[in-house]
Amino acid sequence: MNIKYFQDTGTLHIEFRVADVAETRDLDEDIQLDVDNDGNICAITIELARERADIPHFSFEQIAV
């Protein structure tokens, strides 16, 4: 997983896996979802993320199985 936050535009891009994007679906005017040929989610892009989410307070935790 690769997470990028572009502070100058407030854009958040979360890449779940590297794959060829077959289609980009607009969930609303500021959120796009990238899917592969099998319909699996590859990435999500959120424009104006700093206004839609609490971006400065981000944490990540990986839980062992």
N, C-alpha and C. Protein backbone atom coordinates (compact mmCIF):
# COMPACT_ATOMS: atom_id res chain seq x y z
N MET A 1 0.85 -1.17 0.00
CA MET A 1 0.00 0.00 0.00
C MET A 1 0.90 1.23 0.00
N ASN A 2 0.49 2.22 -0.76
CA ASN A 2 1.24 3.46 -0.86
C ASN A 2 0.25 4.62 -0.67
N ILE A 3 0.54 5.49 0.28
CA ILE A 3 -0.35 6.63 0.56
C ILE A 3 0.41 7.91 0.30
N LYS A 4 -0.19 8.79 -0.50
CA LYS A 4 0.41 10.10 -0.80
C LYS A 4 -0.60 11.18 -0.49
N TYR A 5 -0.13 12.22 0.19
CA TYR A 5 -0.97 13.38 0.45
C TYR A 5 -0.27 14.59 -0.14
N PHE A 6 -0.92 15.25 -1.07
CA PHE A 6 -0.37 16.43 -1.73
C PHE A 6 -0.90 17.66 -1.02
N GLN A 7 -0.08 18.21 -0.14
CA GLN A 7 -0.51 19.29 0.73
C GLN A 7 -0.93 20.54 -0.04
N ASP A 8 -0.28 20.80 -1.17
CA ASP A 8 -0.60 22.01 -1.93
C ASP A 8 -2.01 21.99 -2.52
N THR A 9 -2.52 20.81 -2.85
CA THR A 9 -3.87 20.71 -3.41
C THR A 9 -4.86 20.05 -2.47
N GLY A 10 -4.36 19.45 -1.38
CA GLY A 10 -5.24 18.76 -0.45
C GLY A 10 -5.74 17.43 -0.99
N THR A 11 -4.99 16.84 -1.92
CA THR A 11 -5.39 15.59 -2.56
C THR A 11 -4.76 14.41 -1.84
N LEU A 12 -5.56 13.41 -1.56
CA LEU A 12 -5.09 12.17 -0.94
C LEU A 12 -5.22 11.05 -1.96
N HIS A 13 -4.13 10.32 -2.17
CA HIS A 13 -4.14 9.19 -3.11
C HIS A 13 -3.67 7.95 -2.35
N ILE A 14 -4.51 6.94 -2.31
CA ILE A 14 -4.18 5.68 -1.64
C ILE A 14 -4.14 4.58 -2.70
N GLU A 15 -2.96 4.03 -2.91
CA GLU A 15 -2.79 2.93 -3.85
C GLU A 15 -2.75 1.64 -3.05
N PHE A 16 -3.73 0.78 -3.26
CA PHE A 16 -3.83 -0.46 -2.52
C PHE A 16 -2.94 -1.54 -3.10
N ARG A 17 -2.79 -1.51 -4.42
CA ARG A 17 -1.90 -2.46 -5.07
C ARG A 17 -1.55 -1.95 -6.46
N VAL A 18 -0.39 -2.36 -6.93
CA VAL A 18 0.06 -1.96 -8.26
C VAL A 18 -0.63 -2.87 -9.27
N ALA A 19 -1.37 -2.27 -10.17
CA ALA A 19 -2.09 -3.03 -11.20
C ALA A 19 -2.45 -2.07 -12.33
N ASP A 20 -2.72 -2.64 -13.49
CA ASP A 20 -3.20 -1.83 -14.60
C ASP A 20 -4.63 -1.40 -14.32
N VAL A 21 -4.87 -0.11 -14.39
CA VAL A 21 -6.21 0.43 -14.13
C VAL A 21 -7.05 0.28 -15.39
N ALA A 22 -8.15 -0.42 -15.28
CA ALA A 22 -9.05 -0.63 -16.42
C ALA A 22 -10.12 0.45 -16.48
N GLU A 23 -10.48 0.97 -15.30
CA GLU A 23 -11.57 1.95 -15.25
C GLU A 23 -11.41 2.82 -14.01
N THR A 24 -11.73 4.09 -14.17
CA THR A 24 -11.80 5.01 -13.04
C THR A 24 -13.26 5.40 -12.87
N ARG A 25 -13.79 5.14 -11.69
CA ARG A 25 -15.20 5.42 -11.41
C ARG A 25 -15.30 6.64 -10.51
N ASP A 26 -16.17 7.57 -10.86
CA ASP A 26 -16.42 8.73 -10.03
C ASP A 26 -17.46 8.36 -8.98
N LEU A 27 -17.06 8.40 -7.71
CA LEU A 27 -18.02 8.14 -6.64
C LEU A 27 -18.82 9.39 -6.31
N ASP A 28 -18.18 10.53 -6.43
CA ASP A 28 -18.83 11.84 -6.40
C ASP A 28 -17.88 12.80 -7.10
N GLU A 29 -18.11 14.09 -7.01
CA GLU A 29 -17.29 15.03 -7.78
C GLU A 29 -15.85 15.12 -7.28
N ASP A 30 -15.54 14.62 -6.09
CA ASP A 30 -14.20 14.72 -5.54
C ASP A 30 -13.54 13.39 -5.24
N ILE A 31 -14.20 12.28 -5.51
CA ILE A 31 -13.63 10.96 -5.18
C ILE A 31 -13.67 10.06 -6.42
N GLN A 32 -12.49 9.52 -6.76
CA GLN A 32 -12.37 8.59 -7.89
C GLN A 32 -11.82 7.27 -7.39
N LEU A 33 -12.37 6.20 -7.91
CA LEU A 33 -11.97 4.84 -7.55
C LEU A 33 -11.41 4.16 -8.80
N ASP A 34 -10.17 3.66 -8.71
CA ASP A 34 -9.55 2.94 -9.82
C ASP A 34 -9.72 1.45 -9.61
N VAL A 35 -10.17 0.75 -10.65
CA VAL A 35 -10.34 -0.70 -10.58
C VAL A 35 -9.62 -1.36 -11.75
N ASP A 36 -9.25 -2.64 -11.55
CA ASP A 36 -8.59 -3.40 -12.61
C ASP A 36 -9.63 -4.13 -13.46
N ASN A 37 -9.17 -4.95 -14.39
CA ASN A 37 -10.06 -5.67 -15.30
C ASN A 37 -11.03 -6.62 -14.58
N ASP A 38 -10.65 -7.08 -13.40
CA ASP A 38 -11.50 -7.99 -12.63
C ASP A 38 -12.43 -7.26 -11.66
N GLY A 39 -12.37 -5.93 -11.65
CA GLY A 39 -13.21 -5.14 -10.75
C GLY A 39 -12.62 -4.95 -9.37
N ASN A 40 -11.36 -5.37 -9.17
CA ASN A 40 -10.70 -5.19 -7.88
C ASN A 40 -10.23 -3.74 -7.72
N ILE A 41 -10.33 -3.22 -6.52
CA ILE A 41 -9.91 -1.85 -6.25
C ILE A 41 -8.39 -1.76 -6.28
N CYS A 42 -7.88 -0.83 -7.06
CA CYS A 42 -6.44 -0.57 -7.14
C CYS A 42 -6.07 0.65 -6.30
N ALA A 43 -6.90 1.70 -6.40
CA ALA A 43 -6.57 2.95 -5.72
C ALA A 43 -7.82 3.80 -5.56
N ILE A 44 -7.70 4.77 -4.67
CA ILE A 44 -8.75 5.77 -4.48
C ILE A 44 -8.08 7.14 -4.37
N THR A 45 -8.68 8.13 -5.01
CA THR A 45 -8.18 9.49 -4.94
C THR A 45 -9.28 10.38 -4.39
N ILE A 46 -8.92 11.18 -3.38
CA ILE A 46 -9.88 12.09 -2.76
C ILE A 46 -9.36 13.51 -2.91
N GLU A 47 -10.06 14.30 -3.72
CA GLU A 47 -9.72 15.71 -3.87
C GLU A 47 -10.28 16.46 -2.66
N LEU A 48 -9.63 17.53 -2.28
CA LEU A 48 -10.05 18.35 -1.14
C LEU A 48 -10.15 17.52 0.13
N ALA A 49 -9.25 16.56 0.27
CA ALA A 49 -9.29 15.63 1.40
C ALA A 49 -9.16 16.34 2.74
N ARG A 50 -8.39 17.41 2.79
CA ARG A 50 -8.21 18.10 4.07
C ARG A 50 -9.52 18.70 4.58
N GLU A 51 -10.47 18.95 3.66
CA GLU A 51 -11.77 19.47 4.05
C GLU A 51 -12.77 18.35 4.36
N ARG A 52 -12.51 17.16 3.82
CA ARG A 52 -13.45 16.05 3.96
C ARG A 52 -13.05 15.04 5.02
N ALA A 53 -11.79 15.12 5.47
CA ALA A 53 -11.29 14.16 6.46
C ALA A 53 -10.31 14.87 7.38
N ASP A 54 -9.96 14.24 8.46
CA ASP A 54 -9.04 14.82 9.43
C ASP A 54 -7.61 14.43 9.06
N ILE A 55 -7.14 14.91 7.92
CA ILE A 55 -5.85 14.52 7.35
C ILE A 55 -4.66 14.77 8.27
N PRO A 56 -4.56 15.90 8.95
CA PRO A 56 -3.36 16.10 9.79
C PRO A 56 -3.23 15.07 10.91
N HIS A 57 -4.31 14.38 11.25
CA HIS A 57 -4.27 13.39 12.33
C HIS A 57 -4.45 12.00 11.76
N PHE A 58 -3.44 11.56 11.06
CA PHE A 58 -3.47 10.26 10.39
C PHE A 58 -2.61 9.27 11.16
N SER A 59 -3.12 8.06 11.33
CA SER A 59 -2.31 7.01 11.94
C SER A 59 -2.55 5.72 11.18
N PHE A 60 -1.60 4.83 11.24
CA PHE A 60 -1.67 3.55 10.55
C PHE A 60 -1.26 2.47 11.52
N GLU A 61 -2.03 1.40 11.58
CA GLU A 61 -1.68 0.30 12.47
C GLU A 61 -1.90 -1.01 11.72
N GLN A 62 -0.90 -1.85 11.74
CA GLN A 62 -1.01 -3.16 11.11
C GLN A 62 -1.19 -4.19 12.22
N ILE A 63 -2.24 -4.98 12.10
CA ILE A 63 -2.59 -5.97 13.11
C ILE A 63 -2.13 -7.35 12.62
N ALA A 64 -1.35 -8.03 13.43
CA ALA A 64 -0.88 -9.37 13.08
C ALA A 64 -2.05 -10.35 13.14
N VAL A 65 -2.04 -11.33 12.27
CA VAL A 65 -3.12 -12.31 12.22
C VAL A 65 -2.82 -13.44 13.16
